[in-house]
Every structure is written in structure tokens, then in C-alpha cells.
Amino acid sequence: MEKRLSELLAYLPDDAILAVHGDVAITAPVVETDADVREGGIFVARRGASVDGHTFIPKAIERGAAAIVGEANIRDLPIPYVQVRDARAILGLLAAAFFDFPSRELIVIGVTGTDGKTTTSHLLHSILKQAKGVHPGLISTIEADLGGATIPTGLHVTTPGAPQVQSLLAQMVANGVTHCVLEMTSHGLAQGRLTGVDIDVAVMTNITHEHLDFHGSWEAYRDAKAIMFHMLKASHYKSDQPKVAVVNADDRSAAYFAAIPADETLLYGIEAEATFRPVAIEHAPDATRFTVNGHQFAMHLVGEFNIYNALAAIAAARGLGIDWGAIIDGVEAVRGVSGRMERIDEGQDFTAIVDFAHTPNALRRALEAGRAMLPQGGRLIAVFGSAGLRDVEKRCLMAETSAQLADITVLTAEDPRTESLDDILQMMADGCLAHGGVEGETFFRIPDRGEAIYQACQMAKAGDIVMVCGKGHEQSMCFGVTEYPWDDRAALRAALRGQPLRTLPTSNFER
């Protein structure tokens, strides 16, 4: 694939470019990390929160970059240089242009919201697999299904960078994919990682307390999510596929999202009036049964929150014109989603579950589902932490939630990063104490996560539920600036076998 630099620049808004010094053939993709530069490609240097990409320009040139795009006024480079107003804003467009805008060759379904994005995405992907004439792809927190191969998508990032998104979409097109389900986070939307993606269906799961450290206010967080819905009408039309908005009618932001123009807006919910609303709901330990618009579902995922996720997927599928038979089969085909209410069985006489719940709302929903599963006399034991350098308010909120719903709460590490783990645990302990918690009886502080999970299992009796929340599918935990290998599922298996998993720096002690 070869294009001229000037050809790619033609796709940028007129006011985006401040100066152009030279032209050249571009034979490799657009990237934003010098280590990803391939000979003949474009390196985009942008100023980040902690790192200035312009300092890596010499390395990018050494690696064979054919051109540099940046924000600084530079005139003495040995290769063509383009000065732009905002490198982040144009990165996705340049990357998309190099790959001939692959999203325009796909029906793209964007899924955003605080909780439930991954499960909703996997449910919809499963539905599309059942539909005739559809070859679906997926980019989620857990993995990317490119239509010919499945690859993991990272440690702590839901939406990959703009160049990676466009590369994955281009691979899907090459593999004959027709539809792509794409998770879209507020960070990814606000930081322009989805710029250059044309979407056809926008799905909102819910908007609750999260990421206020980054967005500054709940309203700004909500508005970042809304970018995806505004992308609908700005995107290119594909044949007879209308631009469809799918909105949770029970969410307090429902009216706000439903008011954003779309060709069709579909509402789903359990409480409010909606196009897709379940009746005859039955909760069982191994299944959830409900009826939607006269069609009966027997879903293997449990908990009311998964009914919401299923409804979002059902509404999106109907917006795409998928028949009810494929929808029913697709929902029922999902036996579980990695790290989402995932049961771990080592022959113990109590239930052990790993869940990704890392927000106050998600934790509440997970614990409510746990309580509904408890046999008479059983206790709910919750193990979780709260991330460092992230939303501080949610630390107390999550602890308060567990104090209300769990019989025993174990507070522990969860990506403390460069913050003091002791300080984080103290904030959470204060939340437990504020709701009548008694340290050493109803809640415990155990800094090492492997030890915390082990002690929770040691406390568990027959009929109890141990629920380990916060990490789910993730494969690492950050202490300082280092990512240490970590998997809650492996830790829970080790604990059930009688040994705490000791791969974290906090495990350097003798029990």
C-alpha cells in the first residue's frame, strides 16, 4: 500500500494544518509510538499528560519514518514535517485514511457506558454469529475477533489507540468481516482514539459514577460518552442501514441520549416504558429466564444487570434487522464472559466467583446478584480494592456499598500505582466504618491481594459465596509504574487449593 503524504493530508480539516514542509510516498501505517514506526511510515508526535512525543522524533527517524506530524514549529528535519494544531485530533483521521477508511466497509456497532460494555458486546457478537449472511468481528476489553484470528487487546485499556483501532478494522475488512462490535470508553472517545471511525449503531448501557478524576465532573463524563452518539449522523451511510441509537430507558441520562438525532432511537429497560422490556423474569442459580416482545429467553448469565446487557444487545440486533431466532440462539449461546461473574470450581463446598466490577454501581449489581444466589443461611464475602491515581470518591462509595450488601468485606490492593496502598485502604475502611462496619468482624484490611483472597476462602463455609471483584479478566496489577503478572482467577484457584498466589510486591511476608 502506497500513498502520498499530501494525499493523506487532504482528509484533514482545513484549519487543522499550520504548515507543510515537503511531500513523500508513505508505504507504512501512521503510528504514535516511536517503537511502532516502520520504514516508510508516519510518526505523529503529540504532547501527552506526562510525555511529549516530540522528544521521540529522532528515534522515529532512525527507525525509518518517512514523515513526521507534530504540534511544534520545526523546520530543520531531514524528512518532511507537518505542523498541526492538535495532533491527537487528527491522528485517527490520518490512520483511517492510510487504510482507506475501513469502517466505511463495515457495519460498526459502538457500545459505551460505565458498566456492562464488554458483556453487551459479547452478547451482540454472539447474536451476529447466528445471523445469516453476517460475518462479525469484535474489539472488546478482552479480545479482538478479526474474523480470521482472535487476539488479546491489552492490560488496562479498553479502547486501543487510534492507529491500532484502524489497523484492526483494516484486518477485519481483509478477512471478509461484515459487522464489527466495538467497545468505546469515555477516555477513548474524549482522547480521539475513535476519530475516523464511522458507526451505524450506538448503544448506551448506563452512565454512573466513574472516571471523574479524568473528566472533572459527571456531566463532562456523560458528554464524553455522548460523542459516540453524535458520531452517528456524522458517519457515512452504508446502503439501507439506518443510523440507530439504543438507549437504556431506566438510566437517568436516557432523555439526554435519546434527544441526540438519529434515524431511529430504540429504548430498552425493565422499569420504564420501552420498546424492549422483559416480562416473566425468573432468576435461578444457573440461568435467567425472561420474555421480550413475546419471545422467550433462557440466558446462562445471571443477575438483573445481565438482563439489561441482554436487552441492549437485543435492541441493537433488531436495529440491524436481525431475526428473533438468531437473537434467541445468540443470547443462549453465551455460557459466560471472561472475568464477568465467572465461577471458579475446585471442588469446594461454597461458591467462588470472579467479577470485573470496579465501580460503585457495578459492585452493587454484582453483590445484589450474589445475595440473590445465596441459599438460606449462606453469607456473602466480598474481596476488592480501589485503584490508585483514579477517581478518589469511589473508594468510600464502593466500601459503603459492600458494607450494606456483603456479610464480610475484605479490602485489598487493586492497582495502587504510585499512591500509598495504606492510604487507599484507610479511605475504604472509613467507608465501611461509616455504615456500621466493625474491623476484624465485618471487614478486614489485607494489603496483599493473594493473601486477601486466600483468607476470604478460609473464612467461607458451606453455602457461602466468595466474590472477588475489580480485576476480572485482567492479567496484571500496577505497583509504582511496574505491571506485575496477576490474574484473579488464578489467585482464586490457588486459594481454593490451599495456597495464596504470591506474585505481587506486597506478598513479601510470612503468614
Protein backbone atom coordinates (compact mmCIF):
# COMPACT_ATOMS: atom_id res chain seq x y z
CA MET A 1 0.00 0.00 0.00
CA GLU A 2 1.43 3.37 -1.03
CA LYS A 3 0.03 6.88 -0.70
CA ARG A 4 1.47 10.37 -0.87
CA LEU A 5 1.68 12.38 2.33
CA SER A 6 -0.24 15.16 0.59
CA GLU A 7 -2.99 12.68 -0.30
CA LEU A 8 -3.48 11.76 3.38
CA LEU A 9 -3.37 15.40 4.50
CA ALA A 10 -6.24 16.18 2.13
CA TYR A 11 -8.59 14.31 4.50
CA LEU A 12 -7.83 16.66 7.41
CA PRO A 13 -9.94 19.75 8.15
CA ASP A 14 -8.56 22.89 6.51
CA ASP A 15 -7.86 24.61 9.83
CA ALA A 16 -6.03 21.59 11.27
CA ILE A 17 -2.79 22.18 9.36
CA LEU A 18 -0.46 25.07 10.19
CA ALA A 19 2.49 24.28 7.93
CA VAL A 20 3.67 21.61 5.49
CA HIS A 21 7.36 21.11 4.75
CA GLY A 22 7.70 18.60 1.92
CA ASP A 23 5.90 15.62 0.45
CA VAL A 24 6.83 11.95 0.23
CA ALA A 25 5.48 8.48 -0.53
CA ILE A 26 4.01 6.76 2.54
CA THR A 27 4.29 2.97 2.47
CA ALA A 28 3.67 2.03 6.13
CA PRO A 29 0.99 2.89 8.71
CA VAL A 30 0.57 6.01 10.83
CA VAL A 31 1.74 5.48 14.44
CA GLU A 32 2.06 7.47 17.66
CA THR A 33 4.80 5.45 19.39
CA ASP A 34 8.37 5.54 18.07
CA ALA A 35 8.78 1.81 18.80
CA ASP A 36 5.93 1.10 16.35
CA VAL A 37 7.48 3.05 13.48
CA ARG A 38 8.01 1.03 10.30
CA GLU A 39 10.16 2.17 7.42
CA GLY A 40 8.11 4.44 5.19
CA GLY A 41 5.50 5.28 7.80
CA ILE A 42 4.34 8.45 9.58
CA PHE A 43 5.17 9.22 13.21
CA VAL A 44 2.67 11.54 14.91
CA ALA A 45 4.25 13.41 17.83
CA ARG A 46 1.77 14.72 20.34
CA ARG A 47 2.03 16.25 23.78
CA GLY A 48 0.58 13.91 26.40
CA ALA A 49 -0.16 14.45 30.08
CA SER A 50 3.29 13.23 31.16
CA VAL A 51 5.30 12.67 27.97
CA ASP A 52 5.99 14.93 24.99
CA GLY A 53 6.08 12.85 21.82
CA HIS A 54 8.28 15.43 20.08
CA THR A 55 11.26 14.17 22.10
CA PHE A 56 11.00 10.85 20.25
CA ILE A 57 11.22 12.32 16.75
CA PRO A 58 14.95 11.48 16.35
CA LYS A 59 14.27 7.84 17.27
CA ALA A 60 11.35 7.71 14.83
CA ILE A 61 13.59 8.99 12.04
CA GLU A 62 16.25 6.42 12.96
CA ARG A 63 13.64 3.68 12.65
CA GLY A 64 12.78 4.78 9.13
CA ALA A 65 9.85 7.19 9.43
CA ALA A 66 9.18 8.84 6.06
CA ALA A 67 7.41 11.86 7.58
CA ILE A 68 6.67 13.45 10.95
CA VAL A 69 3.47 15.16 12.06
CA GLY A 70 3.59 17.27 15.23
CA GLU A 71 2.44 20.40 17.00
CA ALA A 72 5.80 22.16 17.41
CA ASN A 73 7.21 24.67 14.90
CA ILE A 74 10.06 22.59 13.42
CA ARG A 75 11.84 23.41 10.16
CA ASP A 76 15.16 21.54 10.18
CA LEU A 77 14.19 17.87 9.92
CA PRO A 78 15.81 15.71 7.22
CA ILE A 79 12.37 14.35 6.24
CA PRO A 80 9.02 16.06 5.54
CA TYR A 81 7.33 17.63 8.56
CA VAL A 82 3.72 18.74 9.03
CA GLN A 83 2.76 21.12 11.85
CA VAL A 84 -0.83 20.73 13.08
CA ARG A 85 -2.91 22.47 15.74
CA ASP A 86 -3.89 19.32 17.63
CA ALA A 87 -2.06 16.07 16.83
CA ARG A 88 -4.47 13.97 18.88
CA ALA A 89 -7.48 15.30 16.95
CA ILE A 90 -6.08 14.31 13.53
CA LEU A 91 -4.29 11.07 14.43
CA GLY A 92 -7.31 8.83 13.84
CA LEU A 93 -8.18 10.52 10.53
CA LEU A 94 -4.64 10.06 9.19
CA ALA A 95 -4.60 6.42 10.30
CA ALA A 96 -8.03 5.80 8.77
CA ALA A 97 -7.03 7.49 5.51
CA PHE A 98 -3.93 5.29 5.15
CA PHE A 99 -6.14 2.18 5.43
CA ASP A 100 -8.81 3.66 3.09
CA PHE A 101 -11.30 4.21 5.95
CA PRO A 102 -12.02 0.55 6.74
CA SER A 103 -15.01 1.31 8.97
CA ARG A 104 -16.86 2.51 5.87
CA GLU A 105 -16.70 -1.05 4.57
CA LEU A 106 -18.23 -2.44 7.79
CA ILE A 107 -21.45 -2.08 9.75
CA VAL A 108 -20.00 -0.79 13.04
CA ILE A 109 -21.86 -1.03 16.34
CA GLY A 110 -20.36 1.14 19.08
CA VAL A 111 -21.06 0.20 22.70
CA THR A 112 -20.42 2.66 25.51
CA GLY A 113 -21.45 3.09 29.15
CA THR A 114 -19.99 2.79 32.63
CA ASP A 115 -20.82 -0.87 33.22
CA GLY A 116 -21.82 -3.77 31.00
CA LYS A 117 -19.98 -2.77 27.82
CA THR A 118 -18.00 -5.98 27.50
CA THR A 119 -20.86 -8.37 28.25
CA THR A 120 -23.22 -6.47 25.95
CA SER A 121 -20.58 -6.52 23.20
CA HIS A 122 -20.02 -10.27 23.54
CA LEU A 123 -23.76 -10.97 23.59
CA LEU A 124 -24.25 -8.94 20.42
CA HIS A 125 -21.24 -10.58 18.78
CA SER A 126 -22.75 -13.99 19.60
CA ILE A 127 -26.09 -12.93 18.11
CA LEU A 128 -24.41 -11.76 14.90
CA LYS A 129 -22.62 -15.12 14.63
CA GLN A 130 -26.04 -16.75 14.41
CA ALA A 131 -27.38 -14.39 11.75
CA LYS A 132 -27.44 -15.43 8.11
CA GLY A 133 -25.10 -13.57 5.78
CA VAL A 134 -23.23 -11.91 8.65
CA HIS A 135 -19.52 -12.38 9.39
CA PRO A 136 -18.93 -10.43 12.63
CA GLY A 137 -15.82 -9.02 14.25
CA LEU A 138 -15.29 -7.68 17.76
CA ILE A 139 -12.98 -5.27 19.60
CA SER A 140 -13.57 -5.51 23.34
CA THR A 141 -11.72 -5.18 26.62
CA ILE A 142 -10.92 -8.86 26.49
CA GLU A 143 -10.09 -9.61 22.88
CA ALA A 144 -10.38 -8.69 19.24
CA ASP A 145 -12.03 -11.14 16.83
CA LEU A 146 -10.69 -10.15 13.42
CA GLY A 147 -12.73 -12.68 11.50
CA GLY A 148 -9.83 -15.00 10.99
CA ALA A 149 -7.92 -14.74 14.25
CA THR A 150 -8.57 -13.72 17.84
CA ILE A 151 -6.00 -11.65 19.71
CA PRO A 152 -5.86 -10.20 23.25
CA THR A 153 -6.35 -6.43 23.46
CA GLY A 154 -4.19 -5.34 26.39
CA LEU A 155 -3.94 -4.91 30.13
CA HIS A 156 -5.83 -1.85 31.36
CA VAL A 157 -7.03 -0.22 28.13
CA THR A 158 -10.50 -0.92 26.73
CA THR A 159 -10.21 1.17 23.57
CA PRO A 160 -6.83 0.79 21.80
CA GLY A 161 -5.05 3.81 20.34
CA ALA A 162 -6.36 5.30 17.09
CA PRO A 163 -3.72 3.65 14.84
CA GLN A 164 -4.40 0.25 16.43
CA VAL A 165 -8.17 0.64 16.01
CA GLN A 166 -7.80 1.43 12.30
CA SER A 167 -5.33 -1.43 11.81
CA LEU A 168 -7.70 -3.91 13.44
CA LEU A 169 -10.61 -2.67 11.33
CA ALA A 170 -8.49 -2.98 8.18
CA GLN A 171 -7.63 -6.56 9.07
CA MET A 172 -11.34 -7.28 9.52
CA VAL A 173 -12.11 -5.92 6.06
CA ALA A 174 -9.33 -8.04 4.57
CA ASN A 175 -10.80 -11.10 6.32
CA GLY A 176 -14.27 -10.52 4.89
CA VAL A 177 -15.89 -9.28 8.12
CA THR A 178 -19.23 -7.52 7.54
CA HIS A 179 -20.09 -6.21 11.04
CA CYS A 180 -17.89 -5.01 13.89
CA VAL A 181 -18.91 -4.63 17.54
CA LEU A 182 -16.62 -2.01 19.07
CA GLU A 183 -16.39 -1.07 22.75
CA MET A 184 -15.94 2.67 23.17
CA THR A 185 -14.79 4.10 26.50
CA SER A 186 -15.17 7.69 27.63
CA HIS A 187 -11.37 8.00 27.65
CA GLY A 188 -11.17 6.63 24.11
CA LEU A 189 -13.86 9.00 22.88
CA ALA A 190 -12.51 12.08 24.68
CA GLN A 191 -8.94 11.38 23.59
CA GLY A 192 -9.85 10.94 19.94
CA ARG A 193 -8.97 7.24 19.70
CA LEU A 194 -12.21 6.66 17.73
CA THR A 195 -11.79 9.61 15.37
CA GLY A 196 -12.02 8.34 11.82
CA VAL A 197 -14.42 5.51 12.72
CA ASP A 198 -17.80 5.60 11.00
CA ILE A 199 -20.51 3.95 13.09
CA ASP A 200 -24.03 2.78 12.31
CA VAL A 201 -25.45 1.78 15.71
CA ALA A 202 -24.70 3.46 19.04
CA VAL A 203 -25.51 1.54 22.25
CA MET A 204 -25.56 3.09 25.74
CA THR A 205 -25.60 0.70 28.72
CA ASN A 206 -25.67 3.20 31.63
CA ILE A 207 -23.88 6.26 32.98
CA THR A 208 -22.88 6.06 36.65
CA HIS A 209 -20.09 7.32 38.90
CA GLU A 210 -16.67 6.65 37.31
CA HIS A 211 -13.56 8.38 35.90
CA LEU A 212 -14.36 11.75 37.47
CA ASP A 213 -10.61 12.14 38.10
CA PHE A 214 -10.16 12.38 34.32
CA HIS A 215 -13.36 14.13 33.22
CA GLY A 216 -13.72 16.51 36.19
CA SER A 217 -17.50 16.20 36.56
CA TRP A 218 -20.29 13.73 35.98
CA GLU A 219 -21.69 15.96 33.23
CA ALA A 220 -18.35 16.03 31.40
CA TYR A 221 -18.14 12.25 31.71
CA ARG A 222 -21.65 11.88 30.27
CA ASP A 223 -20.81 14.29 27.45
CA ALA A 224 -17.73 12.23 26.56
CA LYS A 225 -19.93 9.16 26.20
CA ALA A 226 -22.31 11.20 24.04
CA ILE A 227 -19.57 11.80 21.46
CA MET A 228 -20.32 8.32 20.13
CA PHE A 229 -23.98 9.22 19.55
CA HIS A 230 -23.03 12.43 17.75
CA MET A 231 -20.72 10.32 15.55
CA LEU A 232 -23.80 8.54 14.18
CA LYS A 233 -25.07 11.36 11.99
CA ALA A 234 -21.53 12.45 11.04
CA SER A 235 -20.72 8.98 9.73
CA HIS A 236 -21.06 7.84 6.13
CA TYR A 237 -24.24 5.94 5.25
CA LYS A 238 -23.98 2.34 4.08
CA SER A 239 -26.66 1.04 1.71
CA ASP A 240 -30.01 0.88 3.52
CA GLN A 241 -28.68 0.64 7.10
CA PRO A 242 -30.20 3.49 9.15
CA LYS A 243 -28.30 5.19 11.96
CA VAL A 244 -29.73 3.65 15.14
CA ALA A 245 -29.39 4.82 18.76
CA VAL A 246 -30.02 2.26 21.52
CA VAL A 247 -30.65 3.79 24.95
CA ASN A 248 -31.28 2.39 28.44
CA ALA A 249 -34.65 3.90 29.38
CA ASP A 250 -34.04 3.22 33.09
CA ASP A 251 -30.83 5.28 33.20
CA ARG A 252 -31.06 8.85 34.47
CA SER A 253 -29.37 10.05 31.25
CA ALA A 254 -31.92 8.37 28.99
CA ALA A 255 -33.65 11.58 27.85
CA TYR A 256 -30.31 13.27 27.19
CA PHE A 257 -29.09 10.46 24.90
CA ALA A 258 -32.47 9.89 23.26
CA ALA A 259 -32.55 13.56 22.24
CA ILE A 260 -29.38 13.24 20.13
CA PRO A 261 -30.54 12.97 16.49
CA ALA A 262 -30.60 9.51 14.91
CA ASP A 263 -32.66 7.87 12.20
CA GLU A 264 -34.17 5.59 14.81
CA THR A 265 -33.95 5.54 18.61
CA LEU A 266 -34.73 2.28 20.40
CA LEU A 267 -35.34 2.21 24.15
CA TYR A 268 -34.87 -0.81 26.40
CA GLY A 269 -35.41 -1.21 30.13
CA ILE A 270 -37.06 -3.08 32.96
CA GLU A 271 -38.81 -0.31 34.88
CA ALA A 272 -39.60 2.43 32.33
CA GLU A 273 -41.75 2.13 29.24
CA ALA A 274 -39.56 0.87 26.42
CA THR A 275 -39.68 -0.88 23.05
CA PHE A 276 -37.78 -3.82 24.53
CA ARG A 277 -39.00 -4.60 28.05
CA PRO A 278 -38.87 -8.04 29.69
CA VAL A 279 -41.72 -9.80 31.46
CA ALA A 280 -41.99 -13.10 33.32
CA ILE A 281 -38.46 -12.72 34.73
CA GLU A 282 -37.18 -15.77 36.61
CA HIS A 283 -33.82 -15.87 38.40
CA ALA A 284 -32.17 -19.24 39.01
CA PRO A 285 -28.61 -20.07 40.14
CA ASP A 286 -27.70 -21.35 36.68
CA ALA A 287 -29.94 -19.32 34.35
CA THR A 288 -32.10 -16.25 33.87
CA ARG A 289 -35.41 -16.58 32.03
CA PHE A 290 -37.47 -13.76 30.62
CA THR A 291 -39.73 -12.88 27.70
CA VAL A 292 -39.25 -9.91 25.37
CA ASN A 293 -41.93 -8.92 22.86
CA GLY A 294 -43.39 -12.40 23.01
CA HIS A 295 -40.06 -14.21 22.58
CA GLN A 296 -38.75 -16.40 25.42
CA PHE A 297 -35.10 -16.35 26.51
CA ALA A 298 -33.17 -18.74 28.75
CA MET A 299 -29.89 -16.94 29.37
CA HIS A 300 -26.97 -18.62 31.14
CA LEU A 301 -25.76 -15.32 32.59
CA VAL A 302 -27.21 -14.47 36.00
CA GLY A 303 -28.26 -11.26 37.71
CA GLU A 304 -30.61 -8.43 36.80
CA PHE A 305 -27.71 -6.41 35.36
CA ASN A 306 -27.21 -9.11 32.74
CA ILE A 307 -30.84 -8.78 31.72
CA TYR A 308 -30.03 -5.14 30.94
CA ASN A 309 -26.96 -6.23 28.95
CA ALA A 310 -29.05 -8.75 27.03
CA LEU A 311 -31.75 -6.15 26.32
CA ALA A 312 -29.14 -3.74 24.93
CA ALA A 313 -27.82 -6.46 22.62
CA ILE A 314 -31.34 -7.49 21.60
CA ALA A 315 -32.32 -3.90 20.78
CA ALA A 316 -29.14 -3.35 18.75
CA ALA A 317 -29.69 -6.59 16.87
CA ARG A 318 -33.26 -5.65 15.99
CA GLY A 319 -31.98 -2.23 14.88
CA LEU A 320 -29.75 -4.14 12.47
CA GLY A 321 -32.69 -6.18 11.21
CA ILE A 322 -31.55 -9.47 12.77
CA ASP A 323 -34.37 -12.01 13.10
CA TRP A 324 -35.60 -13.15 16.53
CA GLY A 325 -34.44 -16.73 16.04
CA ALA A 326 -30.80 -15.68 15.66
CA ILE A 327 -31.16 -13.33 18.64
CA ILE A 328 -32.51 -16.05 20.92
CA ASP A 329 -29.85 -18.53 19.80
CA GLY A 330 -27.10 -15.93 20.17
CA VAL A 331 -28.06 -14.95 23.71
CA GLU A 332 -28.38 -18.56 24.81
CA ALA A 333 -25.02 -19.48 23.22
CA VAL A 334 -23.10 -17.26 25.66
CA ARG A 335 -22.16 -19.53 28.56
CA GLY A 336 -20.12 -16.83 30.25
CA VAL A 337 -17.85 -13.87 29.61
CA SER A 338 -14.26 -13.97 30.83
CA GLY A 339 -13.96 -12.36 34.26
CA ARG A 340 -17.66 -11.48 34.45
CA MET A 341 -19.46 -13.40 37.21
CA GLU A 342 -17.11 -16.25 36.33
CA ARG A 343 -17.38 -19.24 38.65
CA ILE A 344 -14.20 -20.96 39.83
CA ASP A 345 -14.71 -24.56 40.93
CA GLU A 346 -12.04 -26.59 42.72
CA GLY A 347 -14.50 -28.91 44.43
CA GLN A 348 -15.13 -26.57 47.37
CA ASP A 349 -18.47 -26.57 49.23
CA PHE A 350 -19.08 -22.86 48.65
CA THR A 351 -19.42 -20.72 45.52
CA ALA A 352 -16.39 -18.75 44.29
CA ILE A 353 -16.83 -16.01 41.68
CA VAL A 354 -14.56 -13.52 39.89
CA ASP A 355 -16.17 -10.36 38.52
CA PHE A 356 -14.80 -7.21 36.87
CA ALA A 357 -17.00 -4.90 38.99
CA HIS A 358 -14.78 -1.89 39.72
CA THR A 359 -17.32 0.93 40.02
CA PRO A 360 -19.85 1.58 42.81
CA ASN A 361 -22.79 0.71 40.55
CA ALA A 362 -21.18 -2.44 39.13
CA LEU A 363 -20.20 -3.61 42.61
CA ARG A 364 -23.73 -3.03 43.87
CA ARG A 365 -25.20 -5.02 40.98
CA ALA A 366 -22.69 -7.85 41.43
CA LEU A 367 -23.31 -8.09 45.17
CA GLU A 368 -27.08 -7.93 44.67
CA ALA A 369 -26.77 -10.81 42.23
CA GLY A 370 -24.68 -12.66 44.81
CA ARG A 371 -27.27 -12.15 47.52
CA ALA A 372 -29.99 -13.46 45.20
CA MET A 373 -27.93 -16.63 44.68
CA LEU A 374 -27.32 -17.29 48.39
CA PRO A 375 -29.02 -20.30 49.97
CA GLN A 376 -30.70 -19.75 53.33
CA GLY A 377 -28.06 -19.18 55.99
CA GLY A 378 -25.30 -18.50 53.46
CA ARG A 379 -23.00 -15.50 53.72
CA LEU A 380 -21.65 -13.19 51.02
CA ILE A 381 -17.91 -12.46 51.32
CA ALA A 382 -16.62 -9.68 49.04
CA VAL A 383 -12.96 -9.05 48.19
CA PHE A 384 -11.99 -5.88 46.29
CA GLY A 385 -9.85 -2.74 46.26
CA SER A 386 -9.81 0.63 44.51
CA ALA A 387 -7.26 1.90 42.02
CA GLY A 388 -4.61 4.48 42.76
CA LEU A 389 -4.36 7.68 40.69
CA ARG A 390 -8.01 7.27 39.74
CA ASP A 391 -11.37 8.55 40.96
CA VAL A 392 -10.90 9.04 44.72
CA GLU A 393 -14.59 9.44 45.57
CA LYS A 394 -15.50 5.93 44.56
CA ARG A 395 -13.23 4.39 47.25
CA CYS A 396 -15.65 5.23 50.04
CA LEU A 397 -18.68 4.62 47.83
CA MET A 398 -17.58 1.08 46.99
CA ALA A 399 -16.74 0.28 50.62
CA GLU A 400 -20.12 1.65 51.73
CA THR A 401 -21.85 -0.49 49.11
CA SER A 402 -20.12 -3.63 50.36
CA ALA A 403 -20.82 -2.75 53.98
CA GLN A 404 -24.51 -2.63 53.08
CA LEU A 405 -24.72 -5.77 50.94
CA ALA A 406 -21.92 -8.16 51.94
CA ASP A 407 -21.73 -10.03 55.24
CA ILE A 408 -17.94 -9.81 55.22
CA THR A 409 -15.79 -7.32 53.29
CA VAL A 410 -12.09 -7.83 52.61
CA LEU A 411 -10.33 -4.66 51.42
CA THR A 412 -7.13 -5.18 49.44
CA ALA A 413 -4.84 -3.91 46.68
CA GLU A 414 -6.09 -3.06 43.20
CA ASP A 415 -3.53 -1.23 41.06
CA PRO A 416 -2.31 1.24 43.70
CA ARG A 417 0.21 2.64 41.23
CA THR A 418 2.29 5.38 42.87
CA GLU A 419 -0.23 6.09 45.64
CA SER A 420 0.12 4.75 49.16
CA LEU A 421 -1.82 1.50 49.41
CA ASP A 422 -2.28 2.08 53.14
CA ASP A 423 -3.89 5.46 52.43
CA ILE A 424 -6.25 3.94 49.87
CA LEU A 425 -7.27 1.18 52.28
CA GLN A 426 -7.83 3.74 55.04
CA MET A 427 -10.27 5.66 52.82
CA MET A 428 -12.11 2.45 52.10
CA ALA A 429 -12.10 1.42 55.75
CA ASP A 430 -13.65 4.80 56.59
CA GLY A 431 -16.47 3.95 54.18
CA CYS A 432 -17.11 0.64 55.95
CA LEU A 433 -16.99 2.28 59.37
CA ALA A 434 -19.46 4.95 58.28
CA HIS A 435 -22.02 2.22 57.61
CA GLY A 436 -21.60 0.34 60.86
CA GLY A 437 -18.73 -1.92 59.84
CA VAL A 438 -16.59 -3.39 62.59
CA GLU A 439 -12.97 -4.01 61.64
CA GLY A 440 -11.91 -7.55 62.43
CA GLU A 441 -15.51 -8.74 62.41
CA THR A 442 -17.42 -7.50 59.35
CA PHE A 443 -14.49 -6.08 57.41
CA PHE A 444 -10.76 -6.68 57.14
CA ARG A 445 -7.79 -4.91 55.60
CA ILE A 446 -5.35 -7.31 53.90
CA PRO A 447 -2.96 -5.39 51.57
CA ASP A 448 -1.69 -8.40 49.60
CA ARG A 449 -4.42 -9.44 47.17
CA GLY A 450 -3.33 -13.08 47.05
CA GLU A 451 -3.46 -13.29 50.84
CA ALA A 452 -6.81 -11.45 50.92
CA ILE A 453 -8.39 -13.95 48.52
CA TYR A 454 -6.89 -16.85 50.47
CA GLN A 455 -8.21 -15.54 53.80
CA ALA A 456 -11.68 -14.99 52.30
CA CYS A 457 -11.72 -18.63 51.19
CA GLN A 458 -10.54 -19.72 54.64
CA MET A 459 -13.47 -17.83 56.20
CA ALA A 460 -16.01 -19.35 53.81
CA LYS A 461 -18.31 -22.11 54.99
CA ALA A 462 -20.61 -24.44 53.09
CA GLY A 463 -23.26 -22.43 51.23
CA ASP A 464 -21.32 -19.14 51.30
CA ILE A 465 -20.34 -17.10 48.26
CA VAL A 466 -16.87 -15.60 47.90
CA MET A 467 -16.90 -12.85 45.27
CA VAL A 468 -13.58 -11.36 44.11
CA CYS A 469 -14.25 -8.09 42.31
CA GLY A 470 -12.34 -5.46 40.39
CA LYS A 471 -9.86 -7.18 38.08
CA GLY A 472 -11.89 -9.76 36.18
CA HIS A 473 -10.03 -10.83 33.05
CA GLU A 474 -7.04 -8.51 33.54
CA GLN A 475 -3.60 -10.06 33.55
CA SER A 476 -1.53 -7.59 35.57
CA MET A 477 -1.57 -5.25 38.55
CA CYS A 478 0.32 -1.98 38.76
CA PHE A 479 2.50 -1.09 41.74
CA GLY A 480 4.52 2.08 41.25
CA VAL A 481 4.99 2.17 37.49
CA THR A 482 5.50 -1.58 37.09
CA GLU A 483 2.90 -4.06 35.86
CA TYR A 484 3.22 -7.31 37.81
CA PRO A 485 1.69 -10.55 36.50
CA TRP A 486 -1.70 -11.06 38.11
CA ASP A 487 -4.92 -12.95 37.40
CA ASP A 488 -7.77 -13.01 39.95
CA ARG A 489 -8.94 -16.34 38.56
CA ALA A 490 -5.53 -17.94 39.09
CA ALA A 491 -5.36 -16.38 42.55
CA LEU A 492 -8.77 -17.75 43.48
CA ARG A 493 -7.87 -21.22 42.19
CA ALA A 494 -4.67 -21.17 44.23
CA ALA A 495 -6.58 -20.06 47.34
CA LEU A 496 -9.15 -22.82 46.88
CA ARG A 497 -6.29 -25.31 46.65
CA GLY A 498 -4.88 -24.03 49.94
CA GLN A 499 -2.14 -21.60 48.91
CA PRO A 500 -2.23 -17.83 48.32
CA LEU A 501 -0.86 -16.64 44.98
CA ARG A 502 2.31 -14.67 45.69
CA THR A 503 3.33 -12.67 42.61
CA LEU A 504 2.84 -9.13 43.97
CA PRO A 505 5.37 -6.98 45.86
CA THR A 506 3.02 -6.97 48.87
CA SER A 507 3.45 -10.75 49.26
CA ASN A 508 6.93 -10.49 50.77
CA PHE A 509 5.98 -11.64 54.24
CA GLU A 510 5.40 -14.85 56.15
CA ARG A 511 1.91 -15.74 57.26
